[in-house]
Protein backbone atom coordinates (compact mmCIF):
# COMPACT_ATOMS: atom_id res chain seq x y z
CA UNK A 1 -34.15 -83.87 -44.88
CA UNK A 2 -34.43 -83.04 -41.17
CA UNK A 3 -30.71 -83.63 -40.62
CA UNK A 4 -29.82 -81.42 -43.57
CA UNK A 5 -32.33 -78.78 -42.48
CA UNK A 6 -30.95 -78.74 -38.94
CA UNK A 7 -27.44 -78.33 -40.34
CA UNK A 8 -28.55 -75.32 -42.41
CA UNK A 9 -30.29 -73.78 -39.38
CA UNK A 10 -27.18 -74.15 -37.21
CA UNK A 11 -25.01 -72.74 -39.98
CA UNK A 12 -27.20 -69.67 -40.46
CA UNK A 13 -27.48 -69.21 -36.70
CA UNK A 14 -23.70 -69.37 -36.27
CA UNK A 15 -22.85 -66.92 -39.06
CA UNK A 16 -25.62 -64.45 -38.19
CA UNK A 17 -24.92 -64.61 -34.44
CA UNK A 18 -21.23 -64.05 -35.07
CA UNK A 19 -22.08 -60.98 -37.16
CA UNK A 20 -24.52 -59.57 -34.58
CA UNK A 21 -22.12 -60.10 -31.69
CA UNK A 22 -19.24 -58.61 -33.67
CA UNK A 23 -21.20 -55.55 -34.78
CA UNK A 24 -22.52 -55.10 -31.24
CA UNK A 25 -18.98 -55.09 -29.84
CA UNK A 26 -17.93 -52.63 -32.55
CA UNK A 27 -20.85 -50.38 -31.54
CA UNK A 28 -19.92 -50.51 -27.87
CA UNK A 29 -16.21 -49.86 -28.31
CA UNK A 30 -16.64 -47.18 -30.99
CA UNK A 31 -19.73 -45.36 -29.72
CA UNK A 32 -17.62 -42.28 -29.01
CA UNK A 33 -16.38 -42.21 -32.61
CA UNK A 34 -19.78 -41.81 -34.23
CA UNK A 35 -19.62 -38.03 -34.19
CA UNK A 36 -16.04 -37.10 -34.97
CA UNK A 37 -14.82 -33.59 -34.25
CA UNK A 38 -13.03 -32.63 -37.42
CA UNK A 39 -11.15 -29.38 -37.85
CA UNK A 40 -13.43 -26.79 -39.51
CA UNK A 41 -12.62 -25.73 -43.04
CA UNK A 42 -10.10 -22.88 -43.36
CA UNK A 43 -10.54 -22.69 -47.14
CA UNK A 44 -13.34 -23.44 -49.54
CA UNK A 45 -12.24 -25.42 -52.62
CA UNK A 46 -14.73 -25.60 -55.45
CA UNK A 47 -17.26 -28.42 -55.16
CA UNK A 48 -19.25 -29.79 -58.10
CA UNK A 49 -22.60 -31.44 -57.43
CA UNK A 50 -23.91 -33.74 -60.17
CA UNK A 51 -27.59 -34.69 -60.29
CA UNK A 52 -28.59 -37.22 -62.98
CA UNK A 53 -32.32 -37.35 -63.64
CA UNK A 54 -34.59 -39.68 -65.56
CA UNK A 55 -38.37 -39.12 -65.44
CA UNK A 56 -38.21 -37.18 -62.17
CA UNK A 57 -40.69 -34.38 -62.89
CA UNK A 58 -42.53 -34.91 -59.57
CA UNK A 59 -39.43 -35.03 -57.36
CA UNK A 60 -36.56 -33.02 -58.77
CA UNK A 61 -37.96 -29.57 -57.89
CA UNK A 62 -37.61 -30.40 -54.18
CA UNK A 63 -34.08 -31.66 -54.79
CA UNK A 64 -33.07 -28.44 -56.53
CA UNK A 65 -34.71 -26.41 -53.76
CA UNK A 66 -32.54 -28.16 -51.16
CA UNK A 67 -29.43 -27.47 -53.25
CA UNK A 68 -30.28 -23.78 -53.47
CA UNK A 69 -30.26 -23.67 -49.66
CA UNK A 70 -26.74 -25.11 -49.40
CA UNK A 71 -24.57 -22.63 -47.49
CA UNK A 72 -21.19 -23.69 -48.90
CA UNK A 73 -19.83 -20.59 -50.70
CA UNK A 74 -17.86 -22.11 -53.59
CA UNK A 75 -20.05 -24.54 -55.46
CA UNK A 76 -21.49 -25.48 -58.84
CA UNK A 77 -24.47 -27.68 -59.65
CA UNK A 78 -24.67 -29.82 -62.79
CA UNK A 79 -28.06 -31.35 -63.58
CA UNK A 80 -28.06 -34.01 -66.31
CA UNK A 81 -31.40 -34.93 -67.90
CA UNK A 82 -30.91 -38.49 -69.10
CA UNK A 83 -33.42 -38.45 -71.96
CA UNK A 84 -36.50 -38.19 -69.76
CA UNK A 85 -39.83 -38.83 -71.44
CA UNK A 86 -41.85 -36.74 -68.99
CA UNK A 87 -41.68 -33.07 -68.01
CA UNK A 88 -38.34 -33.27 -66.16
CA UNK A 89 -36.66 -30.83 -68.53
CA UNK A 90 -39.26 -28.11 -68.02
CA UNK A 91 -39.31 -28.61 -64.24
CA UNK A 92 -35.52 -28.32 -64.03
CA UNK A 93 -35.48 -25.20 -66.21
CA UNK A 94 -38.15 -23.51 -64.09
CA UNK A 95 -36.56 -24.61 -60.80
CA UNK A 96 -33.02 -23.39 -61.44
CA UNK A 97 -34.24 -20.10 -62.92
CA UNK A 98 -31.36 -17.64 -63.29
CA UNK A 99 -29.20 -19.08 -60.52
CA UNK A 100 -25.65 -18.84 -61.95
CA UNK A 101 -24.44 -21.81 -59.91
CA UNK A 102 -26.47 -24.25 -62.05
CA UNK A 103 -25.61 -25.84 -65.36
CA UNK A 104 -28.18 -27.98 -67.16
CA UNK A 105 -27.34 -30.72 -69.64
CA UNK A 106 -30.64 -31.50 -71.35
CA UNK A 107 -29.81 -34.68 -73.24
CA UNK A 108 -32.54 -36.24 -75.38
CA UNK A 109 -31.04 -39.73 -75.49
CA UNK A 110 -31.20 -42.09 -72.50
CA UNK A 111 -27.75 -43.48 -71.68
CA UNK A 112 -28.13 -44.57 -68.06
CA UNK A 113 -27.22 -43.15 -64.67
CA UNK A 114 -23.51 -44.01 -64.71
CA UNK A 115 -23.05 -42.43 -68.15
CA UNK A 116 -24.87 -39.31 -66.95
CA UNK A 117 -22.65 -39.09 -63.88
CA UNK A 118 -19.53 -39.46 -66.04
CA UNK A 119 -20.77 -36.74 -68.38
CA UNK A 120 -21.14 -34.41 -65.43
CA UNK A 121 -17.73 -35.39 -64.04
CA UNK A 122 -16.10 -34.64 -67.40
CA UNK A 123 -17.12 -30.97 -67.20
CA UNK A 124 -16.92 -30.58 -63.42
CA UNK A 125 -14.40 -28.00 -62.29
CA UNK A 126 -14.46 -28.81 -58.57
CA UNK A 127 -11.72 -30.42 -56.51
CA UNK A 128 -14.50 -32.55 -55.01
CA UNK A 129 -17.50 -34.06 -56.77
CA UNK A 130 -20.75 -34.87 -55.01
CA UNK A 131 -23.10 -37.27 -56.77
CA UNK A 132 -26.73 -37.04 -55.77
CA UNK A 133 -30.01 -38.68 -56.75
CA UNK A 134 -32.77 -36.51 -58.19
CA UNK A 135 -35.26 -37.67 -55.56
CA UNK A 136 -33.18 -36.70 -52.51
CA UNK A 137 -32.68 -33.62 -50.33
CA UNK A 138 -29.61 -32.49 -48.39
CA UNK A 139 -29.00 -30.35 -45.33
CA UNK A 140 -27.80 -26.78 -45.97
CA UNK A 141 -24.48 -27.33 -44.17
CA UNK A 142 -23.71 -30.75 -45.62
CA UNK A 143 -20.40 -29.70 -47.21
CA UNK A 144 -19.21 -27.95 -44.07
CA UNK A 145 -19.66 -31.34 -42.40
CA UNK A 146 -18.30 -33.68 -45.09
CA UNK A 147 -15.31 -31.89 -46.63
CA UNK A 148 -13.25 -31.87 -43.38
CA UNK A 149 -13.20 -35.68 -43.65
CA UNK A 150 -10.89 -35.37 -46.67
CA UNK A 151 -8.05 -34.77 -44.24
CA UNK A 152 -5.77 -37.34 -45.85
CA UNK A 153 -4.83 -37.79 -49.49
CA UNK A 154 -5.84 -41.45 -49.21
CA UNK A 155 -9.48 -40.55 -48.48
CA UNK A 156 -11.22 -41.16 -51.80
CA UNK A 157 -14.88 -40.74 -50.84
CA UNK A 158 -17.09 -39.62 -47.97
CA UNK A 159 -20.53 -41.07 -47.40
CA UNK A 160 -23.30 -39.66 -45.18
CA UNK A 161 -26.26 -40.96 -43.20
CA UNK A 162 -29.13 -41.92 -45.51
CA UNK A 163 -32.64 -41.60 -44.09
CA UNK A 164 -36.08 -42.04 -45.59
CA UNK A 165 -38.06 -38.90 -46.30
CA UNK A 166 -41.53 -38.78 -44.70
CA UNK A 167 -42.26 -42.53 -44.39
CA UNK A 168 -46.03 -43.07 -44.29
CA UNK A 169 -46.97 -46.67 -45.10
CA UNK A 170 -46.14 -49.56 -42.78
CA UNK A 171 -43.59 -50.92 -45.23
CA UNK A 172 -41.94 -47.52 -45.57
CA UNK A 173 -41.68 -47.21 -41.80
CA UNK A 174 -39.98 -50.60 -41.66
CA UNK A 175 -37.55 -49.56 -44.41
CA UNK A 176 -36.96 -46.32 -42.50
CA UNK A 177 -35.53 -48.39 -39.64
CA UNK A 178 -33.46 -50.38 -42.13
CA UNK A 179 -31.95 -47.17 -43.54
CA UNK A 180 -31.20 -45.75 -40.09
CA UNK A 181 -29.42 -48.95 -39.08
CA UNK A 182 -27.95 -50.18 -42.36
CA UNK A 183 -27.26 -47.08 -44.46
CA UNK A 184 -26.33 -44.80 -41.58
CA UNK A 185 -25.05 -46.47 -38.41
CA UNK A 186 -23.49 -49.53 -40.05
CA UNK A 187 -21.67 -47.43 -42.66
CA UNK A 188 -20.08 -45.44 -39.86
CA UNK A 189 -19.05 -48.60 -38.04
CA UNK A 190 -17.71 -50.12 -41.26
CA UNK A 191 -15.68 -46.99 -41.92
CA UNK A 192 -13.79 -47.51 -38.66
CA UNK A 193 -12.30 -50.67 -40.22
CA UNK A 194 -12.18 -49.35 -43.80
CA UNK A 195 -14.70 -51.83 -45.20
CA UNK A 196 -17.50 -49.64 -46.57
CA UNK A 197 -18.81 -51.52 -49.61
CA UNK A 198 -21.03 -48.82 -51.18
CA UNK A 199 -21.05 -45.08 -51.74
CA UNK A 200 -24.83 -44.56 -51.59
CA UNK A 201 -26.40 -42.97 -54.65
CA UNK A 202 -28.61 -40.52 -52.72
CA UNK A 203 -25.48 -38.56 -51.81
CA UNK A 204 -21.73 -39.23 -51.66
CA UNK A 205 -18.70 -36.98 -52.14
CA UNK A 206 -15.62 -38.03 -54.11
CA UNK A 207 -12.12 -36.66 -54.59
CA UNK A 208 -12.04 -35.50 -58.22
CA UNK A 209 -8.46 -36.65 -58.88
CA UNK A 210 -9.39 -40.11 -57.68
CA UNK A 211 -12.40 -40.28 -60.00
CA UNK A 212 -10.14 -39.31 -62.91
CA UNK A 213 -7.60 -41.93 -61.86
CA UNK A 214 -10.06 -44.84 -61.69
CA UNK A 215 -12.06 -43.75 -64.75
CA UNK A 216 -15.29 -42.60 -63.14
CA UNK A 217 -18.32 -44.87 -62.92
CA UNK A 218 -18.77 -48.16 -64.77
CA UNK A 219 -21.47 -47.59 -67.41
CA UNK A 220 -22.06 -51.35 -67.76
CA UNK A 221 -23.01 -51.81 -64.10
CA UNK A 222 -26.57 -51.16 -62.86
CA UNK A 223 -25.40 -50.47 -59.29
CA UNK A 224 -22.70 -47.95 -60.05
CA UNK A 225 -22.50 -46.74 -56.45
CA UNK A 226 -21.70 -50.27 -55.28
CA UNK A 227 -19.26 -51.15 -58.03
CA UNK A 228 -17.19 -47.99 -57.69
CA UNK A 229 -16.60 -48.74 -53.99
CA UNK A 230 -14.72 -51.90 -55.00
CA UNK A 231 -12.47 -49.98 -57.38
CA UNK A 232 -11.86 -47.27 -54.79
CA UNK A 233 -10.55 -49.89 -52.36
CA UNK A 234 -8.52 -51.63 -55.08
CA UNK A 235 -6.92 -48.30 -56.03
CA UNK A 236 -5.66 -47.88 -52.47
CA UNK A 237 -8.14 -45.23 -51.31
CA UNK A 238 -10.37 -45.31 -48.24
CA UNK A 239 -14.08 -44.59 -47.93
CA UNK A 240 -15.18 -42.91 -44.71
CA UNK A 241 -18.53 -41.89 -43.28
CA UNK A 242 -19.66 -38.53 -41.96
CA UNK A 243 -22.36 -39.73 -39.61
CA UNK A 244 -23.61 -36.29 -38.62
CA UNK A 245 -24.42 -35.27 -42.21
CA UNK A 246 -27.74 -36.48 -43.60
CA UNK A 247 -29.45 -36.94 -46.92
CA UNK A 248 -33.16 -37.65 -47.11
CA UNK A 249 -34.39 -39.86 -49.91
CA UNK A 250 -37.57 -41.68 -50.94
CA UNK A 251 -38.36 -45.25 -51.95
CA UNK A 252 -41.02 -46.50 -54.38
CA UNK A 253 -44.60 -46.21 -53.14
CA UNK A 254 -45.76 -49.76 -53.92
CA UNK A 255 -44.39 -53.15 -52.95
CA UNK A 256 -43.90 -53.93 -56.65
CA UNK A 257 -41.82 -50.79 -57.06
CA UNK A 258 -39.71 -51.68 -54.01
CA UNK A 259 -39.26 -55.21 -55.33
CA UNK A 260 -38.06 -53.92 -58.71
CA UNK A 261 -35.66 -51.52 -56.99
CA UNK A 262 -34.23 -54.21 -54.71
CA UNK A 263 -33.94 -56.68 -57.57
CA UNK A 264 -31.76 -54.14 -59.34
CA UNK A 265 -29.68 -53.50 -56.23
CA UNK A 266 -29.07 -57.15 -55.45
CA UNK A 267 -28.58 -58.41 -59.00
CA UNK A 268 -26.12 -55.56 -59.48
CA UNK A 269 -24.36 -56.63 -56.29
CA UNK A 270 -24.01 -60.18 -57.63
CA UNK A 271 -22.60 -58.91 -60.95
CA UNK A 272 -20.20 -56.64 -59.05
CA UNK A 273 -18.92 -59.52 -56.93
CA UNK A 274 -18.34 -61.62 -60.04
CA UNK A 275 -16.67 -58.68 -61.75
CA UNK A 276 -14.36 -58.01 -58.81
CA UNK A 277 -13.90 -61.51 -57.46
CA UNK A 278 -10.20 -60.74 -57.03
CA UNK A 279 -11.09 -58.81 -53.86
CA UNK A 280 -12.16 -62.02 -52.10
CA UNK A 281 -9.76 -62.87 -49.27
CA UNK A 282 -7.31 -60.32 -50.64
CA UNK A 283 -4.97 -59.44 -47.76
CA UNK A 284 -3.93 -56.22 -49.49
CA UNK A 285 -7.45 -54.86 -49.00
CA UNK A 286 -7.48 -55.48 -45.26
CA UNK A 287 -10.85 -56.14 -43.64
CA UNK A 288 -12.69 -55.33 -46.87
CA UNK A 289 -11.22 -58.39 -48.55
CA UNK A 290 -12.87 -60.60 -45.95
CA UNK A 291 -16.02 -58.61 -45.25
CA UNK A 292 -17.26 -58.90 -48.84
CA UNK A 293 -17.25 -62.74 -48.96
CA UNK A 294 -18.65 -62.98 -45.42
CA UNK A 295 -21.55 -60.72 -46.41
CA UNK A 296 -22.43 -62.99 -49.32
CA UNK A 297 -21.99 -66.06 -47.14
CA UNK A 298 -24.74 -64.66 -44.91
CA UNK A 299 -26.94 -64.04 -47.93
CA UNK A 300 -26.45 -67.49 -49.48
CA UNK A 301 -27.00 -69.42 -46.24
CA UNK A 302 -30.05 -67.28 -45.47
CA UNK A 303 -31.49 -68.14 -48.86
CA UNK A 304 -30.77 -71.82 -48.27
CA UNK A 305 -32.65 -71.70 -44.97
CA UNK A 306 -35.55 -69.84 -46.56
CA UNK A 307 -35.91 -72.36 -49.40
CA UNK A 308 -35.63 -75.33 -47.06
CA UNK A 309 -38.17 -73.85 -44.64
CA UNK A 310 -40.57 -73.10 -47.48
CA UNK A 311 -40.27 -76.66 -48.79
CA UNK A 312 -40.90 -78.17 -45.35
CA UNK A 313 -43.85 -75.84 -44.69
CA UNK A 314 -45.50 -76.78 -47.99
CA UNK A 315 -44.82 -80.51 -47.41
CA UNK A 316 -46.31 -80.42 -43.93
CA UNK A 317 -49.33 -78.47 -45.11
CA UNK A 318 -50.04 -81.05 -47.80
CA UNK A 319 -49.50 -83.86 -45.28
CA UNK A 320 -51.85 -82.26 -42.75
CA UNK A 321 -54.51 -81.70 -45.39
CA UNK A 322 -54.27 -85.38 -46.28
CA UNK A 323 -54.86 -86.35 -42.64
CA UNK A 324 -57.72 -83.87 -42.28
CA UNK A 325 -59.43 -85.44 -45.28
CA UNK A 326 -60.25 -88.40 -43.00
CA UNK A 327 -62.14 -86.07 -40.63
CA UNK A 328 -63.96 -84.27 -43.41
CA UNK A 329 -61.56 -81.33 -42.89
CA UNK A 330 -62.80 -80.62 -39.39
CA UNK A 331 -60.19 -77.98 -38.40
CA UNK A 332 -62.27 -76.49 -35.61
CA UNK A 333 -62.07 -79.47 -33.23
CA UNK A 334 -58.31 -79.61 -33.65
CA UNK A 335 -57.96 -75.94 -32.71
CA UNK A 336 -59.91 -76.55 -29.50
CA UNK A 337 -57.51 -79.36 -28.60
CA UNK A 338 -54.42 -77.18 -28.99
CA UNK A 339 -52.21 -76.93 -25.89
CA UNK A 340 -48.97 -75.01 -25.62
CA UNK A 341 -46.07 -76.97 -24.15
CA UNK A 342 -42.63 -75.41 -24.39
CA UNK A 343 -41.02 -78.83 -23.99
CA UNK A 344 -42.41 -79.96 -27.35
CA UNK A 345 -40.49 -77.24 -29.14
CA UNK A 346 -36.98 -78.31 -30.04
CA UNK A 347 -33.68 -76.52 -30.38
CA UNK A 348 -34.57 -75.19 -33.81
CA UNK A 349 -37.36 -73.06 -32.35
CA UNK A 350 -35.09 -71.84 -29.56
CA UNK A 351 -32.44 -70.88 -32.11
CA UNK A 352 -35.07 -68.96 -34.07
CA UNK A 353 -36.14 -67.15 -30.92
CA UNK A 354 -32.53 -66.37 -30.11
CA UNK A 355 -31.99 -64.87 -33.58
CA UNK A 356 -35.17 -62.83 -33.21
CA UNK A 357 -33.99 -61.42 -29.85
CA UNK A 358 -30.56 -60.61 -31.28
CA UNK A 359 -32.25 -58.64 -34.07
CA UNK A 360 -34.35 -56.74 -31.52
CA UNK A 361 -31.25 -55.90 -29.50
CA UNK A 362 -29.37 -54.66 -32.55
CA UNK A 363 -32.34 -52.53 -33.61
CA UNK A 364 -32.90 -50.97 -30.16
CA UNK A 365 -29.20 -50.33 -29.58
CA UNK A 366 -28.84 -48.86 -33.07
CA UNK A 367 -31.78 -46.49 -32.66
CA UNK A 368 -30.51 -45.38 -29.28
CA UNK A 369 -27.04 -44.66 -30.65
CA UNK A 370 -28.50 -42.66 -33.52
CA UNK A 371 -30.61 -40.60 -31.12
CA UNK A 372 -33.98 -41.63 -32.53
CA UNK A 373 -37.15 -41.48 -30.45
CA UNK A 374 -38.71 -44.91 -30.06
CA UNK A 375 -42.23 -43.47 -29.88
CA UNK A 376 -42.04 -42.11 -33.42
CA UNK A 377 -40.56 -45.37 -34.79
CA UNK A 378 -42.72 -47.97 -33.01
CA UNK A 379 -44.50 -49.21 -36.15
CA UNK A 380 -41.24 -49.71 -37.99
CA UNK A 381 -39.66 -51.33 -34.95
CA UNK A 382 -42.43 -53.92 -34.75
CA UNK A 383 -42.00 -54.88 -38.38
CA UNK A 384 -38.22 -54.63 -38.74
CA UNK A 385 -37.38 -58.16 -37.44
CA UNK A 386 -39.47 -59.59 -40.28
CA UNK A 387 -37.33 -57.92 -42.95
CA UNK A 388 -35.48 -61.26 -43.11
CA UNK A 389 -38.38 -62.71 -45.11
CA UNK A 390 -38.54 -59.74 -47.46
CA UNK A 391 -34.80 -59.97 -48.07
CA UNK A 392 -35.21 -63.56 -49.25
CA UNK A 393 -37.90 -62.50 -51.72
CA UNK A 394 -35.75 -59.67 -53.05
CA UNK A 395 -32.60 -61.79 -53.28
CA UNK A 396 -34.52 -64.63 -54.93
CA UNK A 397 -35.75 -62.25 -57.63
CA UNK A 398 -32.22 -60.93 -58.14
CA UNK A 399 -30.73 -64.41 -58.31
CA UNK A 400 -33.37 -65.48 -60.83
CA UNK A 401 -32.63 -62.42 -62.97
CA UNK A 402 -28.90 -63.16 -62.92
CA UNK A 403 -29.32 -66.84 -63.73
CA UNK A 404 -31.72 -66.03 -66.56
CA UNK A 405 -29.38 -63.26 -67.71
CA UNK A 406 -32.35 -60.94 -67.63
CA UNK A 407 -31.54 -57.32 -68.40
CA UNK A 408 -32.30 -55.09 -65.43
CA UNK A 409 -32.45 -51.37 -66.16
CA UNK A 410 -31.62 -48.36 -63.99
CA UNK A 411 -35.33 -47.50 -63.96
């Protein structure tokens, strides 16, 4: 078991270190490309913003308020109530008031987020379609920032920086760091090599003709924003990131809610990979064809290490309890005898420390590049390196759901 465990540790260390070193080099050599200076708009094509909503009575008013503040002059908003069972319909009606830019589809039957997005796309008149979650808020000038990125006909979608809105709990502050690094900085770095693998649901902008060409969103997929990215690449379009534009979103308040959300994300990612397995090592897709399998290689080896470590920890605990039974479970004397000696710790511990330090470096460098103040993020920074353990819990739940063929809903 120790030989096999050591092999898994070395494998995970190699793949994760390679990724960290690679992404660090990409950050260094492309740090001047984070904030691109695009040519300002000289015309204002119509933009359609679609907001699907399901049981969002406590959040959607703030979303609509942010849309009302958008300064782009030629715009329409389409809100789709996906058969909500709460007061979403009344809140939307009161919030939009008499604003002529809004259209409200108040459907009584729940069909799912992707179906709601497609319903909005079918009546959208804009040359560009922005899809936005009903629990998110945008900056007033977001379209002045994002639309200039459609400077080539091959640009199919533009993503933005996704940040957490008013994180309060410790877990939320940790996830706030994750969003700043993973859903903001990394998406920009991935866009440099055309390997963005998701158009985040909180806010992304699409070329309308492209959406019509690829058939909109897949109504059978529970992570529609992830699945459509695969089809965008396969159709020959690129996904880019407008790093300077931001959308602020929320995450569930409880750990259970976060677990359910992540289980949906990750199980949907597994289904998407199986659905589009033809992208794997596909030279026609460039870096994306290799990034997708490498990403899942990291996930699978990480899970293997987590399971092996858990097994060994439980085995050693049982073994130690058996030995302590001969001393009448006298733990206190053993604690007094404890002495730290770095020489007794093998290479496995040093590899773990190395991985921990790499994570710290990536976090600090990422926050510095994004212009965040460390003082306001210190709680999240302390907890961020331990996200590895949470990821294993989330991925384990997703894998179990997929293997059991358990139906996972949008909400």
